[in-house]
Amino acid sequence: MSAALPWVLRAVWAALPVVAGPAFGNALDERSTPVQVVASLGLWGLWGAGVLATLVPRPSGLTLLRVAAPAACGAAVVALADEPGTASGLAVAATALAAGLALLPETGELFVNGAAYGDERRHLLRPPAALLLGPVPLAGAALVAAVVTGPLLLAARSWVAGGVGVVVGVPSAVVLARALHSLTQRWAVFVPAGLVLKDHLALLDPVLLRRHLVVSLGPSPVGSDAHDLTARAPGLALEIRLREPVPLARVTPGRRGSEAASPESLRFTPTRPGAVLAEAERRRLVRA
């Protein structure tokens, strides 16, 4: 991970009011004063939360940025369509850059390790394709809508619709935020004792693979018979082979409970497989 990434992310986010602010201001010019005030307070509050998240990286900040940055880009695109011009074009470019940085695998690694304990190193696991191709972006958009719809309707003096929006939006936002945040809690974690796989989509409980049991760790070959913990995530899967079976409880999709197993090899899909292999070599979990 580049040492410059945190500073680039902070600089881009800090510059958004200057670069994208004029376009958002123009888009609000024809709105009523209460709507302008509520929308402006929301934008400034979100920007401030994003600044704090970049300064103190934590998994919760990663969830915030990965929802807020694409939402800001979407709002900039709407502003560009409504009033084409230099200001709105710059807003689209700036917010698209912020969104791209927020979604980088390196950014995910930076933020999840902000809450790491002692000598551990966390590596995010890639979400399943079935979530990436629809539910995750839809949940992000629905979360933004749940947060902003009620207050904006109240500011526009639509009292009944605004009240309903707040009553429905608050619990909906909580549920959606928790669901999205849970994706930042799926890790392959290097600890002094070995490697921990923590993935609520595939495992009932985290499983520790002790270093003295590890035979090899590398890209999973095609047709491998290793126990599949990838949750059908896209990308390069890694395979870890052990000297003896390790007991685990695997989550069975679509069914209640779990399925006990004791495999001697496991497959999982980190967002940065090369970084996982480099960390394994650095810790001498495997030999070069």
C-alpha atoms as a PDB file:
ATOM      1  CA  MET A   1       0.000   0.000   0.000  1.00  0.00           C
ATOM      2  CA  SER A   2       1.394   3.386  -0.986  1.00  0.00           C
ATOM      3  CA  ALA A   3       2.380   5.634   1.907  1.00  0.00           C
ATOM      4  CA  ALA A   4       0.957   8.578  -0.048  1.00  0.00           C
ATOM      5  CA  LEU A   5      -2.579   7.156  -0.276  1.00  0.00           C
ATOM      6  CA  PRO A   6      -3.871   8.492   3.076  1.00  0.00           C
ATOM      7  CA  TRP A   7      -2.666  12.005   2.246  1.00  0.00           C
ATOM      8  CA  VAL A   8      -4.083  11.932  -1.279  1.00  0.00           C
ATOM      9  CA  LEU A   9      -7.439  10.782   0.086  1.00  0.00           C
ATOM     10  CA  ARG A  10      -7.423  13.530   2.731  1.00  0.00           C
ATOM     11  CA  ALA A  11      -6.445  16.213   0.227  1.00  0.00           C
ATOM     12  CA  VAL A  12      -9.133  15.224  -2.283  1.00  0.00           C
ATOM     13  CA  TRP A  13     -11.850  15.089   0.376  1.00  0.00           C
ATOM     14  CA  ALA A  14     -10.730  18.376   1.936  1.00  0.00           C
ATOM     15  CA  ALA A  15     -10.888  20.096  -1.476  1.00  0.00           C
ATOM     16  CA  LEU A  16     -14.473  19.044  -2.250  1.00  0.00           C
ATOM     17  CA  PRO A  17     -16.147  22.213  -0.862  1.00  0.00           C
ATOM     18  CA  VAL A  18     -13.947  24.366  -3.090  1.00  0.00           C
ATOM     19  CA  VAL A  19     -14.140  22.222  -6.229  1.00  0.00           C
ATOM     20  CA  ALA A  20     -17.653  20.741  -5.987  1.00  0.00           C
ATOM     21  CA  GLY A  21     -19.344  23.233  -3.669  1.00  0.00           C
ATOM     22  CA  PRO A  22     -20.224  25.844  -6.345  1.00  0.00           C
ATOM     23  CA  ALA A  23     -22.110  23.265  -8.433  1.00  0.00           C
ATOM     24  CA  PHE A  24     -24.140  22.109  -5.448  1.00  0.00           C
ATOM     25  CA  GLY A  25     -24.820  25.739  -4.543  1.00  0.00           C
ATOM     26  CA  ASN A  26     -26.069  26.459  -8.047  1.00  0.00           C
ATOM     27  CA  ALA A  27     -28.324  23.406  -7.925  1.00  0.00           C
ATOM     28  CA  LEU A  28     -29.937  24.726  -4.724  1.00  0.00           C
ATOM     29  CA  ASP A  29     -30.382  28.330  -5.899  1.00  0.00           C
ATOM     30  CA  GLU A  30     -33.973  27.882  -7.032  1.00  0.00           C
ATOM     31  CA  ARG A  31     -35.032  25.994  -3.886  1.00  0.00           C
ATOM     32  CA  SER A  32     -36.741  27.577  -0.908  1.00  0.00           C
ATOM     33  CA  THR A  33     -34.593  28.966   1.891  1.00  0.00           C
ATOM     34  CA  PRO A  34     -35.458  26.162   4.368  1.00  0.00           C
ATOM     35  CA  VAL A  35     -34.541  23.529   1.790  1.00  0.00           C
ATOM     36  CA  GLN A  36     -31.286  25.319   1.044  1.00  0.00           C
ATOM     37  CA  VAL A  37     -30.436  25.481   4.747  1.00  0.00           C
ATOM     38  CA  VAL A  38     -31.234  21.809   5.426  1.00  0.00           C
ATOM     39  CA  ALA A  39     -29.399  20.605   2.317  1.00  0.00           C
ATOM     40  CA  SER A  40     -26.374  22.807   3.057  1.00  0.00           C
ATOM     41  CA  LEU A  41     -26.192  21.629   6.663  1.00  0.00           C
ATOM     42  CA  GLY A  42     -26.383  18.039   5.472  1.00  0.00           C
ATOM     43  CA  LEU A  43     -23.633  18.520   2.914  1.00  0.00           C
ATOM     44  CA  TRP A  44     -21.341  20.279   5.389  1.00  0.00           C
ATOM     45  CA  GLY A  45     -22.042  17.659   8.059  1.00  0.00           C
ATOM     46  CA  LEU A  46     -21.262  14.828   5.663  1.00  0.00           C
ATOM     47  CA  TRP A  47     -18.104  16.544   4.490  1.00  0.00           C
ATOM     48  CA  GLY A  48     -16.970  17.101   8.091  1.00  0.00           C
ATOM     49  CA  ALA A  49     -17.622  13.457   8.967  1.00  0.00           C
ATOM     50  CA  GLY A  50     -15.612  12.445   5.908  1.00  0.00           C
ATOM     51  CA  VAL A  51     -12.691  14.657   6.936  1.00  0.00           C
ATOM     52  CA  LEU A  52     -12.700  13.069  10.395  1.00  0.00           C
ATOM     53  CA  ALA A  53     -12.868   9.598   8.837  1.00  0.00           C
ATOM     54  CA  THR A  54      -9.810  10.271   6.675  1.00  0.00           C
ATOM     55  CA  LEU A  55      -7.866  11.706   9.605  1.00  0.00           C
ATOM     56  CA  VAL A  56      -8.707   8.815  11.955  1.00  0.00           C
ATOM     57  CA  PRO A  57      -9.205   5.747   9.725  1.00  0.00           C
ATOM     58  CA  ARG A  58     -11.585   3.172  11.198  1.00  0.00           C
ATOM     59  CA  PRO A  59     -13.909   0.541   9.660  1.00  0.00           C
ATOM     60  CA  SER A  60     -16.926   2.764  10.389  1.00  0.00           C
ATOM     61  CA  GLY A  61     -15.246   5.581   8.465  1.00  0.00           C
ATOM     62  CA  LEU A  62     -14.733   3.244   5.528  1.00  0.00           C
ATOM     63  CA  THR A  63     -18.474   2.519   5.440  1.00  0.00           C
ATOM     64  CA  LEU A  64     -19.193   6.246   5.581  1.00  0.00           C
ATOM     65  CA  LEU A  65     -16.835   7.125   2.730  1.00  0.00           C
ATOM     66  CA  ARG A  66     -17.964   4.258   0.516  1.00  0.00           C
ATOM     67  CA  VAL A  67     -21.563   5.434   0.830  1.00  0.00           C
ATOM     68  CA  ALA A  68     -21.008   9.194   0.838  1.00  0.00           C
ATOM     69  CA  ALA A  69     -18.477   9.512  -1.997  1.00  0.00           C
ATOM     70  CA  PRO A  70     -20.531   7.667  -4.662  1.00  0.00           C
ATOM     71  CA  ALA A  71     -23.642   9.538  -3.469  1.00  0.00           C
ATOM     72  CA  ALA A  72     -21.829  12.865  -3.909  1.00  0.00           C
ATOM     73  CA  CYS A  73     -20.759  11.784  -7.387  1.00  0.00           C
ATOM     74  CA  GLY A  74     -24.357  10.908  -8.253  1.00  0.00           C
ATOM     75  CA  ALA A  75     -25.545  14.293  -7.000  1.00  0.00           C
ATOM     76  CA  ALA A  76     -22.857  16.003  -9.092  1.00  0.00           C
ATOM     77  CA  VAL A  77     -23.991  14.119 -12.196  1.00  0.00           C
ATOM     78  CA  VAL A  78     -27.561  15.297 -11.560  1.00  0.00           C
ATOM     79  CA  ALA A  79     -26.286  18.865 -11.154  1.00  0.00           C
ATOM     80  CA  LEU A  80     -24.380  18.569 -14.428  1.00  0.00           C
ATOM     81  CA  ALA A  81     -27.467  17.320 -16.254  1.00  0.00           C
ATOM     82  CA  ASP A  82     -29.572  20.110 -14.758  1.00  0.00           C
ATOM     83  CA  GLU A  83     -27.082  22.902 -15.450  1.00  0.00           C
ATOM     84  CA  PRO A  84     -24.166  21.946 -17.711  1.00  0.00           C
ATOM     85  CA  GLY A  85     -21.057  24.033 -17.236  1.00  0.00           C
ATOM     86  CA  THR A  86     -17.531  24.211 -15.893  1.00  0.00           C
ATOM     87  CA  ALA A  87     -18.572  24.203 -12.234  1.00  0.00           C
ATOM     88  CA  SER A  88     -20.715  21.097 -12.515  1.00  0.00           C
ATOM     89  CA  GLY A  89     -18.107  19.369 -14.670  1.00  0.00           C
ATOM     90  CA  LEU A  90     -15.448  19.986 -12.039  1.00  0.00           C
ATOM     91  CA  ALA A  91     -17.831  18.699  -9.379  1.00  0.00           C
ATOM     92  CA  VAL A  92     -18.323  15.432 -11.265  1.00  0.00           C
ATOM     93  CA  ALA A  93     -14.570  15.002 -11.736  1.00  0.00           C
ATOM     94  CA  ALA A  94     -13.740  15.745  -8.093  1.00  0.00           C
ATOM     95  CA  THR A  95     -16.456  13.552  -6.603  1.00  0.00           C
ATOM     96  CA  ALA A  96     -15.662  10.722  -9.048  1.00  0.00           C
ATOM     97  CA  LEU A  97     -12.023  10.868  -7.925  1.00  0.00           C
ATOM     98  CA  ALA A  98     -13.104  10.798  -4.273  1.00  0.00           C
ATOM     99  CA  ALA A  99     -15.374   7.812  -4.952  1.00  0.00           C
ATOM    100  CA  GLY A 100     -12.646   5.977  -6.816  1.00  0.00           C
ATOM    101  CA  LEU A 101     -10.194   6.480  -3.970  1.00  0.00           C
ATOM    102  CA  ALA A 102     -12.769   5.388  -1.373  1.00  0.00           C
ATOM    103  CA  LEU A 103     -13.430   2.144  -3.257  1.00  0.00           C
ATOM    104  CA  LEU A 104      -9.776   1.175  -3.699  1.00  0.00           C
ATOM    105  CA  PRO A 105      -8.777  -2.114  -1.991  1.00  0.00           C
ATOM    106  CA  GLU A 106      -5.790  -0.247  -0.512  1.00  0.00           C
ATOM    107  CA  THR A 107      -8.168   2.218   1.145  1.00  0.00           C
ATOM    108  CA  GLY A 108     -10.121  -0.646   2.667  1.00  0.00           C
ATOM    109  CA  GLU A 109      -6.926  -2.112   4.102  1.00  0.00           C
ATOM    110  CA  LEU A 110      -5.915   1.273   5.511  1.00  0.00           C
ATOM    111  CA  PHE A 111      -9.212   1.789   7.324  1.00  0.00           C
ATOM    112  CA  VAL A 112      -9.750  -1.710   8.744  1.00  0.00           C
ATOM    113  CA  ASN A 113      -6.246  -1.695  10.192  1.00  0.00           C
ATOM    114  CA  GLY A 114      -6.982   1.571  11.987  1.00  0.00           C
ATOM    115  CA  ALA A 115      -8.780  -0.537  14.598  1.00  0.00           C
ATOM    116  CA  ALA A 116      -6.294  -3.441  14.620  1.00  0.00           C
ATOM    117  CA  TYR A 117      -4.899  -4.643  17.939  1.00  0.00           C
ATOM    118  CA  GLY A 118      -1.188  -4.977  18.669  1.00  0.00           C
ATOM    119  CA  ASP A 119       0.798  -7.060  16.204  1.00  0.00           C
ATOM    120  CA  GLU A 120      -2.059  -8.003  13.885  1.00  0.00           C
ATOM    121  CA  ARG A 121      -2.657  -7.142  10.267  1.00  0.00           C
ATOM    122  CA  ARG A 122      -6.141  -7.267   8.770  1.00  0.00           C
ATOM    123  CA  HIS A 123      -6.904  -7.932   5.113  1.00  0.00           C
ATOM    124  CA  LEU A 124     -10.444  -7.435   3.852  1.00  0.00           C
ATOM    125  CA  LEU A 125     -12.210 -10.289   2.113  1.00  0.00           C
ATOM    126  CA  ARG A 126     -13.926  -9.601  -1.197  1.00  0.00           C
ATOM    127  CA  PRO A 127     -17.757  -9.484  -1.077  1.00  0.00           C
ATOM    128  CA  PRO A 128     -19.695 -12.133  -3.005  1.00  0.00           C
ATOM    129  CA  ALA A 129     -20.466 -11.283  -6.628  1.00  0.00           C
ATOM    130  CA  ALA A 130     -24.185 -11.626  -5.909  1.00  0.00           C
ATOM    131  CA  LEU A 131     -23.916  -8.678  -3.493  1.00  0.00           C
ATOM    132  CA  LEU A 132     -21.556  -6.542  -5.572  1.00  0.00           C
ATOM    133  CA  LEU A 133     -23.738  -6.706  -8.669  1.00  0.00           C
ATOM    134  CA  GLY A 134     -26.828  -5.166  -7.094  1.00  0.00           C
ATOM    135  CA  PRO A 135     -27.625  -5.293  -3.375  1.00  0.00           C
ATOM    136  CA  VAL A 136     -24.573  -3.337  -2.182  1.00  0.00           C
ATOM    137  CA  PRO A 137     -24.934  -0.285  -4.486  1.00  0.00           C
ATOM    138  CA  LEU A 138     -28.719  -0.347  -4.054  1.00  0.00           C
ATOM    139  CA  ALA A 139     -28.342  -0.472  -0.277  1.00  0.00           C
ATOM    140  CA  GLY A 140     -25.981   2.510  -0.405  1.00  0.00           C
ATOM    141  CA  ALA A 141     -28.438   4.525  -2.480  1.00  0.00           C
ATOM    142  CA  ALA A 142     -31.346   3.502  -0.236  1.00  0.00           C
ATOM    143  CA  LEU A 143     -29.359   4.510   2.861  1.00  0.00           C
ATOM    144  CA  VAL A 144     -28.749   8.001   1.472  1.00  0.00           C
ATOM    145  CA  ALA A 145     -32.418   8.311   0.501  1.00  0.00           C
ATOM    146  CA  ALA A 146     -33.534   7.168   3.951  1.00  0.00           C
ATOM    147  CA  VAL A 147     -31.366   9.825   5.609  1.00  0.00           C
ATOM    148  CA  VAL A 148     -32.181  12.834   3.424  1.00  0.00           C
ATOM    149  CA  THR A 149     -35.769  12.359   2.243  1.00  0.00           C
ATOM    150  CA  GLY A 150     -37.600  13.102   5.487  1.00  0.00           C
ATOM    151  CA  PRO A 151     -35.679  16.259   6.467  1.00  0.00           C
ATOM    152  CA  LEU A 152     -35.903  17.711   2.941  1.00  0.00           C
ATOM    153  CA  LEU A 153     -39.646  17.080   2.744  1.00  0.00           C
ATOM    154  CA  LEU A 154     -40.135  18.741   6.137  1.00  0.00           C
ATOM    155  CA  ALA A 155     -38.039  21.705   4.973  1.00  0.00           C
ATOM    156  CA  ALA A 156     -40.311  21.937   1.926  1.00  0.00           C
ATOM    157  CA  ARG A 157     -43.317  22.081   4.297  1.00  0.00           C
ATOM    158  CA  SER A 158     -44.618  18.674   3.231  1.00  0.00           C
ATOM    159  CA  TRP A 159     -45.412  17.847   6.840  1.00  0.00           C
ATOM    160  CA  VAL A 160     -47.185  14.517   6.449  1.00  0.00           C
ATOM    161  CA  ALA A 161     -44.822  13.084   3.832  1.00  0.00           C
ATOM    162  CA  GLY A 162     -41.834  14.433   5.740  1.00  0.00           C
ATOM    163  CA  GLY A 163     -43.022  12.909   9.004  1.00  0.00           C
ATOM    164  CA  VAL A 164     -43.530   9.554   7.321  1.00  0.00           C
ATOM    165  CA  GLY A 165     -40.103   9.910   5.709  1.00  0.00           C
ATOM    166  CA  VAL A 166     -38.446  10.437   9.091  1.00  0.00           C
ATOM    167  CA  VAL A 167     -40.363   7.664  10.862  1.00  0.00           C
ATOM    168  CA  VAL A 168     -39.596   5.173   8.098  1.00  0.00           C
ATOM    169  CA  GLY A 169     -36.177   6.525   7.202  1.00  0.00           C
ATOM    170  CA  VAL A 170     -34.474   6.403  10.598  1.00  0.00           C
ATOM    171  CA  PRO A 171     -34.902   2.669  11.290  1.00  0.00           C
ATOM    172  CA  SER A 172     -34.292   1.877   7.617  1.00  0.00           C
ATOM    173  CA  ALA A 173     -31.033   3.834   7.707  1.00  0.00           C
ATOM    174  CA  VAL A 174     -29.906   1.971  10.833  1.00  0.00           C
ATOM    175  CA  VAL A 175     -30.594  -1.432   9.269  1.00  0.00           C
ATOM    176  CA  LEU A 176     -28.927  -0.540   5.978  1.00  0.00           C
ATOM    177  CA  ALA A 177     -25.890   1.010   7.667  1.00  0.00           C
ATOM    178  CA  ARG A 178     -25.377  -2.098   9.794  1.00  0.00           C
ATOM    179  CA  ALA A 179     -25.680  -4.366   6.776  1.00  0.00           C
ATOM    180  CA  LEU A 180     -23.132  -2.373   4.772  1.00  0.00           C
ATOM    181  CA  HIS A 181     -20.810  -2.004   7.753  1.00  0.00           C
ATOM    182  CA  SER A 182     -20.791  -5.771   8.270  1.00  0.00           C
ATOM    183  CA  LEU A 183     -18.895  -6.092   4.977  1.00  0.00           C
ATOM    184  CA  THR A 184     -15.953  -4.261   6.582  1.00  0.00           C
ATOM    185  CA  GLN A 185     -15.836  -6.915   9.328  1.00  0.00           C
ATOM    186  CA  ARG A 186     -14.765  -9.797   7.054  1.00  0.00           C
ATOM    187  CA  TRP A 187     -11.010 -10.352   7.323  1.00  0.00           C
ATOM    188  CA  ALA A 188      -8.038 -12.610   6.974  1.00  0.00           C
ATOM    189  CA  VAL A 189      -6.031 -11.512  10.027  1.00  0.00           C
ATOM    190  CA  PHE A 190      -2.362 -12.207  10.641  1.00  0.00           C
ATOM    191  CA  VAL A 191      -1.640 -12.614  14.355  1.00  0.00           C
ATOM    192  CA  PRO A 192       1.454 -13.898  16.153  1.00  0.00           C
ATOM    193  CA  ALA A 193      -0.121 -17.355  16.459  1.00  0.00           C
ATOM    194  CA  GLY A 194      -0.913 -17.659  12.756  1.00  0.00           C
ATOM    195  CA  LEU A 195      -3.778 -16.637  10.488  1.00  0.00           C
ATOM    196  CA  VAL A 196      -7.398 -16.021  11.531  1.00  0.00           C
ATOM    197  CA  LEU A 197     -10.263 -16.189   9.041  1.00  0.00           C
ATOM    198  CA  LYS A 198     -13.210 -14.086  10.211  1.00  0.00           C
ATOM    199  CA  ASP A 199     -16.157 -14.111   7.826  1.00  0.00           C
ATOM    200  CA  HIS A 200     -19.769 -14.183   9.007  1.00  0.00           C
ATOM    201  CA  LEU A 201     -20.907 -15.013   5.459  1.00  0.00           C
ATOM    202  CA  ALA A 202     -18.955 -18.280   5.447  1.00  0.00           C
ATOM    203  CA  LEU A 203     -18.082 -19.139   9.072  1.00  0.00           C
ATOM    204  CA  LEU A 204     -20.188 -19.270  12.206  1.00  0.00           C
ATOM    205  CA  ASP A 205     -17.135 -18.308  14.281  1.00  0.00           C
ATOM    206  CA  PRO A 206     -13.619 -17.122  13.398  1.00  0.00           C
ATOM    207  CA  VAL A 207     -11.122 -19.925  12.885  1.00  0.00           C
ATOM    208  CA  LEU A 208      -7.444 -19.772  13.856  1.00  0.00           C
ATOM    209  CA  LEU A 209      -4.986 -21.531  11.576  1.00  0.00           C
ATOM    210  CA  ARG A 210      -1.906 -21.943  13.750  1.00  0.00           C
ATOM    211  CA  ARG A 211       1.418 -21.233  12.121  1.00  0.00           C
ATOM    212  CA  HIS A 212       2.943 -24.635  12.931  1.00  0.00           C
ATOM    213  CA  LEU A 213       0.108 -26.312  11.018  1.00  0.00           C
ATOM    214  CA  VAL A 214       0.533 -24.273   7.824  1.00  0.00           C
ATOM    215  CA  VAL A 215       2.151 -26.190   4.975  1.00  0.00           C
ATOM    216  CA  SER A 216       1.603 -23.696   2.152  1.00  0.00           C
ATOM    217  CA  LEU A 217      -0.282 -20.565   1.157  1.00  0.00           C
ATOM    218  CA  GLY A 218      -0.685 -19.473  -2.444  1.00  0.00           C
ATOM    219  CA  PRO A 219      -3.064 -19.010  -5.371  1.00  0.00           C
ATOM    220  CA  SER A 220      -5.732 -21.695  -5.470  1.00  0.00           C
ATOM    221  CA  PRO A 221      -5.369 -23.893  -8.571  1.00  0.00           C
ATOM    222  CA  VAL A 222      -8.277 -24.518 -10.921  1.00  0.00           C
ATOM    223  CA  GLY A 223     -10.322 -27.499  -9.800  1.00  0.00           C
ATOM    224  CA  SER A 224      -8.933 -27.431  -6.259  1.00  0.00           C
ATOM    225  CA  ASP A 225     -10.672 -29.674  -3.715  1.00  0.00           C
ATOM    226  CA  ALA A 226      -9.957 -27.247  -0.855  1.00  0.00           C
ATOM    227  CA  HIS A 227     -12.845 -26.334   1.441  1.00  0.00           C
ATOM    228  CA  ASP A 228     -14.462 -23.291  -0.203  1.00  0.00           C
ATOM    229  CA  LEU A 229     -14.850 -20.232   2.051  1.00  0.00           C
ATOM    230  CA  THR A 230     -14.899 -17.689  -0.785  1.00  0.00           C
ATOM    231  CA  ALA A 231     -18.683 -17.128  -0.562  1.00  0.00           C
ATOM    232  CA  ARG A 232     -18.522 -17.070  -4.388  1.00  0.00           C
ATOM    233  CA  ALA A 233     -16.562 -13.831  -4.395  1.00  0.00           C
ATOM    234  CA  PRO A 234     -14.870 -12.827  -7.679  1.00  0.00           C
ATOM    235  CA  GLY A 235     -11.121 -12.487  -8.018  1.00  0.00           C
ATOM    236  CA  LEU A 236      -8.073 -14.573  -7.214  1.00  0.00           C
ATOM    237  CA  ALA A 237      -8.671 -17.048  -4.388  1.00  0.00           C
ATOM    238  CA  LEU A 238      -5.865 -18.115  -2.092  1.00  0.00           C
ATOM    239  CA  GLU A 239      -5.499 -21.639  -0.742  1.00  0.00           C
ATOM    240  CA  ILE A 240      -3.949 -22.554   2.577  1.00  0.00           C
ATOM    241  CA  ARG A 241      -2.950 -26.163   3.247  1.00  0.00           C
ATOM    242  CA  LEU A 242      -2.507 -27.547   6.743  1.00  0.00           C
ATOM    243  CA  ARG A 243      -0.695 -30.485   8.335  1.00  0.00           C
ATOM    244  CA  GLU A 244      -3.861 -31.703  10.027  1.00  0.00           C
ATOM    245  CA  PRO A 245      -7.603 -30.957   9.865  1.00  0.00           C
ATOM    246  CA  VAL A 246      -8.980 -27.862  11.595  1.00  0.00           C
ATOM    247  CA  PRO A 247     -12.534 -27.948  13.007  1.00  0.00           C
ATOM    248  CA  LEU A 248     -14.897 -25.199  11.886  1.00  0.00           C
ATOM    249  CA  ALA A 249     -18.597 -24.440  11.549  1.00  0.00           C
ATOM    250  CA  ARG A 250     -19.502 -23.333   8.056  1.00  0.00           C
ATOM    251  CA  VAL A 251     -22.539 -21.135   7.377  1.00  0.00           C
ATOM    252  CA  THR A 252     -24.917 -22.771   4.895  1.00  0.00           C
ATOM    253  CA  PRO A 253     -26.604 -20.159   2.660  1.00  0.00           C
ATOM    254  CA  GLY A 254     -30.379 -20.346   2.658  1.00  0.00           C
ATOM    255  CA  ARG A 255     -30.477 -22.582   5.707  1.00  0.00           C
ATOM    256  CA  ARG A 256     -30.561 -22.049   9.428  1.00  0.00           C
ATOM    257  CA  GLY A 257     -27.654 -23.146  11.559  1.00  0.00           C
ATOM    258  CA  SER A 258     -24.277 -24.300  10.335  1.00  0.00           C
ATOM    259  CA  GLU A 259     -22.439 -27.309   8.985  1.00  0.00           C
ATOM    260  CA  ALA A 260     -19.505 -28.811  10.885  1.00  0.00           C
ATOM    261  CA  ALA A 261     -16.366 -29.639   8.926  1.00  0.00           C
ATOM    262  CA  SER A 262     -12.692 -30.473   9.516  1.00  0.00           C
ATOM    263  CA  PRO A 263     -10.814 -29.642   6.312  1.00  0.00           C
ATOM    264  CA  GLU A 264      -7.070 -29.790   5.742  1.00  0.00           C
ATOM    265  CA  SER A 265      -7.148 -27.023   3.127  1.00  0.00           C
ATOM    266  CA  LEU A 266      -9.186 -23.839   2.739  1.00  0.00           C
ATOM    267  CA  ARG A 267      -9.900 -21.324  -0.051  1.00  0.00           C
ATOM    268  CA  PHE A 268     -10.648 -17.640   0.626  1.00  0.00           C
ATOM    269  CA  THR A 269     -10.676 -14.453  -1.467  1.00  0.00           C
ATOM    270  CA  PRO A 270      -8.964 -11.327  -0.078  1.00  0.00           C
ATOM    271  CA  THR A 271      -9.283  -8.009  -1.857  1.00  0.00           C
ATOM    272  CA  ARG A 272      -5.477  -7.842  -2.132  1.00  0.00           C
ATOM    273  CA  PRO A 273      -4.116 -11.388  -2.481  1.00  0.00           C
ATOM    274  CA  GLY A 274      -0.607 -10.163  -3.285  1.00  0.00           C
ATOM    275  CA  ALA A 275      -0.481  -8.189  -0.041  1.00  0.00           C
ATOM    276  CA  VAL A 276      -1.642 -11.261   1.892  1.00  0.00           C
ATOM    277  CA  LEU A 277       1.126 -13.399   0.397  1.00  0.00           C
ATOM    278  CA  ALA A 278       3.718 -10.693   1.087  1.00  0.00           C
ATOM    279  CA  GLU A 279       2.587 -10.412   4.711  1.00  0.00           C
ATOM    280  CA  ALA A 280       2.681 -14.199   5.100  1.00  0.00           C
ATOM    281  CA  GLU A 281       6.255 -14.235   3.844  1.00  0.00           C
ATOM    282  CA  ARG A 282       7.236 -11.318   6.061  1.00  0.00           C
ATOM    283  CA  ARG A 283       5.902 -13.135   9.115  1.00  0.00           C
ATOM    284  CA  ARG A 284       7.485 -16.395   7.957  1.00  0.00           C
ATOM    285  CA  LEU A 285       4.138 -18.102   7.946  1.00  0.00           C
ATOM    286  CA  VAL A 286       5.330 -19.557   4.654  1.00  0.00           C
ATOM    287  CA  ARG A 287       8.764 -19.663   3.077  1.00  0.00           C
ATOM    288  CA  ALA A 288       9.602 -17.761  -0.105  1.00  0.00           C
END
